[in-house]
Each structure stands twice: as C-alpha cells, then as structure tokens.
Amino acid sequence: MSDIVSEFNDYRSRMNEKLLADNNKVVKRIFNLDTNAYAEGALDVKTKELLGLVASAVLRCDDCVRYHLETCHKEGVTKEEMMESMAIATLVGGTIVIPHLRRAYEFWEALENHNLEI
C-alpha cells in the first residue's frame, strides 16, 4: 500500500513552495493568517485543530481534513476524540459527509501506522 501520509505531505510541501515563490501578496497574507489563526490563544492548538477538522469535513475538503487530522494527531488528539469530532461534522454536514468520514478514518489509520514506522 502506498504511504498516503508521505504522498500528501510531499505534494502539499512542493505546491506550497511554488505558490509562495510566485510572490503573490494576497496568497502570502492568506497563508500567514491561516498560520496565526491556529496558534495558541484563548483556545489551545488542539481545540482549534479539532474545530478546523469539523469545519473542513462539513465543507467537504479532503485536503483540509487530512491537514487537520495530521496536526490533531501531532497535538495528541486520541482516535476517540477525532471520531467524536467527525461524528459532529457528519451530523452537522449530513450524510453527504460520510465519504469524507471514510477517507478521514483511513488517513488516521495511516497516521498511526506512519508513526510506528518512524
């Protein structure tokens, strides 16, 4: 099985470098805003990432779901916390979110396996 975690991260890094090298002020500001929005504040990073995960699932953005899953995993979110958050996303977003729930579960398993290999 291909390593979906590495493939996702490699593609994301490569394309982000290209986008930022294009030197578009608006794109750079959006990237900066995104980085700062998820920094520690009144809410901790773990909570903000779970919020980002739920919003991304409801908006049905698989890349965003994967990004937030990986960051959640790094922040110590448990599988149970992730699944409870994804359950809320599925409730709010409706059954159209179920395919994204499936892919999120698959990616979470890959994250768990990826950490075992490192």
C-alpha atoms as a PDB file:
ATOM      1  CA  MET A   1       0.000   0.000   0.000  1.00  0.00           C
ATOM      2  CA  SER A   2       1.300   3.436  -0.845  1.00  0.00           C
ATOM      3  CA  ASP A   3       2.012   5.787   2.023  1.00  0.00           C
ATOM      4  CA  ILE A   4      -0.815   8.304   1.737  1.00  0.00           C
ATOM      5  CA  VAL A   5       0.669  10.393   4.552  1.00  0.00           C
ATOM      6  CA  SER A   6       4.010  10.898   2.784  1.00  0.00           C
ATOM      7  CA  GLU A   7       2.357  11.419  -0.594  1.00  0.00           C
ATOM      8  CA  PHE A   8       0.051  14.080   0.843  1.00  0.00           C
ATOM      9  CA  ASN A   9       2.853  15.881   2.685  1.00  0.00           C
ATOM     10  CA  ASP A  10       5.248  15.768  -0.264  1.00  0.00           C
ATOM     11  CA  TYR A  11       2.653  17.175  -2.657  1.00  0.00           C
ATOM     12  CA  ARG A  12       1.499  19.831  -0.171  1.00  0.00           C
ATOM     13  CA  SER A  13       5.074  20.987   0.528  1.00  0.00           C
ATOM     14  CA  ARG A  14       6.056  21.063  -3.136  1.00  0.00           C
ATOM     15  CA  MET A  15       2.991  23.038  -4.193  1.00  0.00           C
ATOM     16  CA  ASN A  16       3.118  25.432  -1.229  1.00  0.00           C
ATOM     17  CA  GLU A  17       6.718  26.274  -2.140  1.00  0.00           C
ATOM     18  CA  LYS A  18       5.655  27.024  -5.714  1.00  0.00           C
ATOM     19  CA  LEU A  19       2.692  29.129  -4.607  1.00  0.00           C
ATOM     20  CA  LEU A  20       4.740  31.161  -2.154  1.00  0.00           C
ATOM     21  CA  ALA A  21       7.609  31.579  -4.631  1.00  0.00           C
ATOM     22  CA  ASP A  22       5.156  33.218  -7.021  1.00  0.00           C
ATOM     23  CA  ASN A  23       5.295  36.138  -4.570  1.00  0.00           C
ATOM     24  CA  ASN A  24       1.582  36.996  -4.632  1.00  0.00           C
ATOM     25  CA  LYS A  25       0.910  39.326  -1.706  1.00  0.00           C
ATOM     26  CA  VAL A  26      -2.683  38.141  -1.169  1.00  0.00           C
ATOM     27  CA  VAL A  27      -1.743  34.450  -1.183  1.00  0.00           C
ATOM     28  CA  LYS A  28       1.119  35.096   1.251  1.00  0.00           C
ATOM     29  CA  ARG A  29      -1.203  37.011   3.574  1.00  0.00           C
ATOM     30  CA  ILE A  30      -3.796  34.217   3.485  1.00  0.00           C
ATOM     31  CA  PHE A  31      -1.111  31.653   4.374  1.00  0.00           C
ATOM     32  CA  ASN A  32       0.088  33.913   7.203  1.00  0.00           C
ATOM     33  CA  LEU A  33      -3.445  34.445   8.507  1.00  0.00           C
ATOM     34  CA  ASP A  34      -4.065  30.690   8.477  1.00  0.00           C
ATOM     35  CA  THR A  35      -0.860  30.046  10.427  1.00  0.00           C
ATOM     36  CA  ASN A  36      -1.663  32.700  13.017  1.00  0.00           C
ATOM     37  CA  ALA A  37      -5.308  31.661  13.399  1.00  0.00           C
ATOM     38  CA  TYR A  38      -4.298  28.187  14.586  1.00  0.00           C
ATOM     39  CA  ALA A  39      -1.654  29.432  17.042  1.00  0.00           C
ATOM     40  CA  GLU A  40      -2.168  29.138  20.802  1.00  0.00           C
ATOM     41  CA  GLY A  41      -4.570  31.766  22.097  1.00  0.00           C
ATOM     42  CA  ALA A  42      -7.716  31.749  24.226  1.00  0.00           C
ATOM     43  CA  LEU A  43      -8.206  28.284  22.735  1.00  0.00           C
ATOM     44  CA  ASP A  44      -5.388  25.772  22.720  1.00  0.00           C
ATOM     45  CA  VAL A  45      -3.984  24.440  19.441  1.00  0.00           C
ATOM     46  CA  LYS A  46      -5.642  21.032  19.917  1.00  0.00           C
ATOM     47  CA  THR A  47      -9.099  22.604  20.206  1.00  0.00           C
ATOM     48  CA  LYS A  48      -8.512  24.885  17.217  1.00  0.00           C
ATOM     49  CA  GLU A  49      -7.369  21.947  15.092  1.00  0.00           C
ATOM     50  CA  LEU A  50     -10.462  19.936  16.032  1.00  0.00           C
ATOM     51  CA  LEU A  51     -12.586  22.937  15.046  1.00  0.00           C
ATOM     52  CA  GLY A  52     -10.702  23.136  11.750  1.00  0.00           C
ATOM     53  CA  LEU A  53     -11.245  19.410  11.227  1.00  0.00           C
ATOM     54  CA  VAL A  54     -15.003  19.688  11.755  1.00  0.00           C
ATOM     55  CA  ALA A  55     -15.311  22.739   9.507  1.00  0.00           C
ATOM     56  CA  SER A  56     -13.224  21.065   6.801  1.00  0.00           C
ATOM     57  CA  ALA A  57     -15.338  17.914   6.894  1.00  0.00           C
ATOM     58  CA  VAL A  58     -18.584  19.898   6.699  1.00  0.00           C
ATOM     59  CA  LEU A  59     -17.152  21.877   3.775  1.00  0.00           C
ATOM     60  CA  ARG A  60     -16.044  18.537   2.244  1.00  0.00           C
ATOM     61  CA  CYS A  61     -12.400  19.456   1.647  1.00  0.00           C
ATOM     62  CA  ASP A  62     -10.362  16.246   1.822  1.00  0.00           C
ATOM     63  CA  ASP A  63      -7.014  18.077   1.690  1.00  0.00           C
ATOM     64  CA  CYS A  64      -8.064  20.253   4.628  1.00  0.00           C
ATOM     65  CA  VAL A  65      -9.369  17.231   6.537  1.00  0.00           C
ATOM     66  CA  ARG A  66      -6.033  15.464   6.030  1.00  0.00           C
ATOM     67  CA  TYR A  67      -4.067  18.511   7.105  1.00  0.00           C
ATOM     68  CA  HIS A  68      -6.099  18.927  10.301  1.00  0.00           C
ATOM     69  CA  LEU A  69      -6.029  15.189  11.026  1.00  0.00           C
ATOM     70  CA  GLU A  70      -2.251  15.175  10.889  1.00  0.00           C
ATOM     71  CA  THR A  71      -1.950  18.252  13.087  1.00  0.00           C
ATOM     72  CA  CYS A  72      -4.517  16.814  15.523  1.00  0.00           C
ATOM     73  CA  HIS A  73      -2.500  13.607  15.669  1.00  0.00           C
ATOM     74  CA  LYS A  74       0.680  15.580  16.405  1.00  0.00           C
ATOM     75  CA  GLU A  75      -1.175  17.536  19.122  1.00  0.00           C
ATOM     76  CA  GLY A  76      -2.095  14.314  20.905  1.00  0.00           C
ATOM     77  CA  VAL A  77      -5.726  14.003  19.865  1.00  0.00           C
ATOM     78  CA  THR A  78      -6.916  10.464  20.511  1.00  0.00           C
ATOM     79  CA  LYS A  79      -8.770   8.360  17.987  1.00  0.00           C
ATOM     80  CA  GLU A  80     -11.851   8.660  20.182  1.00  0.00           C
ATOM     81  CA  GLU A  81     -11.641  12.471  20.216  1.00  0.00           C
ATOM     82  CA  MET A  82     -11.139  12.535  16.458  1.00  0.00           C
ATOM     83  CA  MET A  83     -14.111  10.228  15.859  1.00  0.00           C
ATOM     84  CA  GLU A  84     -16.354  12.205  18.205  1.00  0.00           C
ATOM     85  CA  SER A  85     -15.426  15.380  16.320  1.00  0.00           C
ATOM     86  CA  MET A  86     -16.039  13.704  12.965  1.00  0.00           C
ATOM     87  CA  ALA A  87     -19.385  12.435  14.260  1.00  0.00           C
ATOM     88  CA  ILE A  88     -20.386  16.047  14.975  1.00  0.00           C
ATOM     89  CA  ALA A  89     -19.191  17.031  11.494  1.00  0.00           C
ATOM     90  CA  THR A  90     -21.281  14.266   9.948  1.00  0.00           C
ATOM     91  CA  LEU A  91     -24.317  15.272  11.995  1.00  0.00           C
ATOM     92  CA  VAL A  92     -23.969  18.931  11.017  1.00  0.00           C
ATOM     93  CA  GLY A  93     -22.999  18.281   7.403  1.00  0.00           C
ATOM     94  CA  GLY A  94     -25.383  15.409   6.758  1.00  0.00           C
ATOM     95  CA  THR A  95     -24.894  12.084   5.067  1.00  0.00           C
ATOM     96  CA  ILE A  96     -23.001  13.727   2.188  1.00  0.00           C
ATOM     97  CA  VAL A  97     -20.048  13.934   4.635  1.00  0.00           C
ATOM     98  CA  ILE A  98     -19.889  10.130   5.057  1.00  0.00           C
ATOM     99  CA  PRO A  99     -17.429   9.591   2.154  1.00  0.00           C
ATOM    100  CA  HIS A 100     -15.134  12.170   3.792  1.00  0.00           C
ATOM    101  CA  LEU A 101     -15.557  10.387   7.117  1.00  0.00           C
ATOM    102  CA  ARG A 102     -14.392   7.171   5.448  1.00  0.00           C
ATOM    103  CA  ARG A 103     -11.325   8.834   3.960  1.00  0.00           C
ATOM    104  CA  ALA A 104     -10.593  10.583   7.270  1.00  0.00           C
ATOM    105  CA  TYR A 105     -10.681   7.262   9.103  1.00  0.00           C
ATOM    106  CA  GLU A 106      -8.367   5.720   6.507  1.00  0.00           C
ATOM    107  CA  PHE A 107      -5.937   8.651   6.802  1.00  0.00           C
ATOM    108  CA  TRP A 108      -5.990   8.470  10.623  1.00  0.00           C
ATOM    109  CA  GLU A 109      -5.050   4.782  10.428  1.00  0.00           C
ATOM    110  CA  ALA A 110      -2.243   5.710   8.023  1.00  0.00           C
ATOM    111  CA  LEU A 111      -1.039   8.357  10.506  1.00  0.00           C
ATOM    112  CA  GLU A 112      -0.978   5.755  13.280  1.00  0.00           C
ATOM    113  CA  ASN A 113       0.941   3.316  11.068  1.00  0.00           C
ATOM    114  CA  HIS A 114       3.243   6.073   9.798  1.00  0.00           C
ATOM    115  CA  ASN A 115       4.304   6.897  13.359  1.00  0.00           C
ATOM    116  CA  LEU A 116       5.033   3.233  14.042  1.00  0.00           C
ATOM    117  CA  GLU A 117       7.378   3.133  11.027  1.00  0.00           C
ATOM    118  CA  ILE A 118       9.321   6.254  12.044  1.00  0.00           C
END
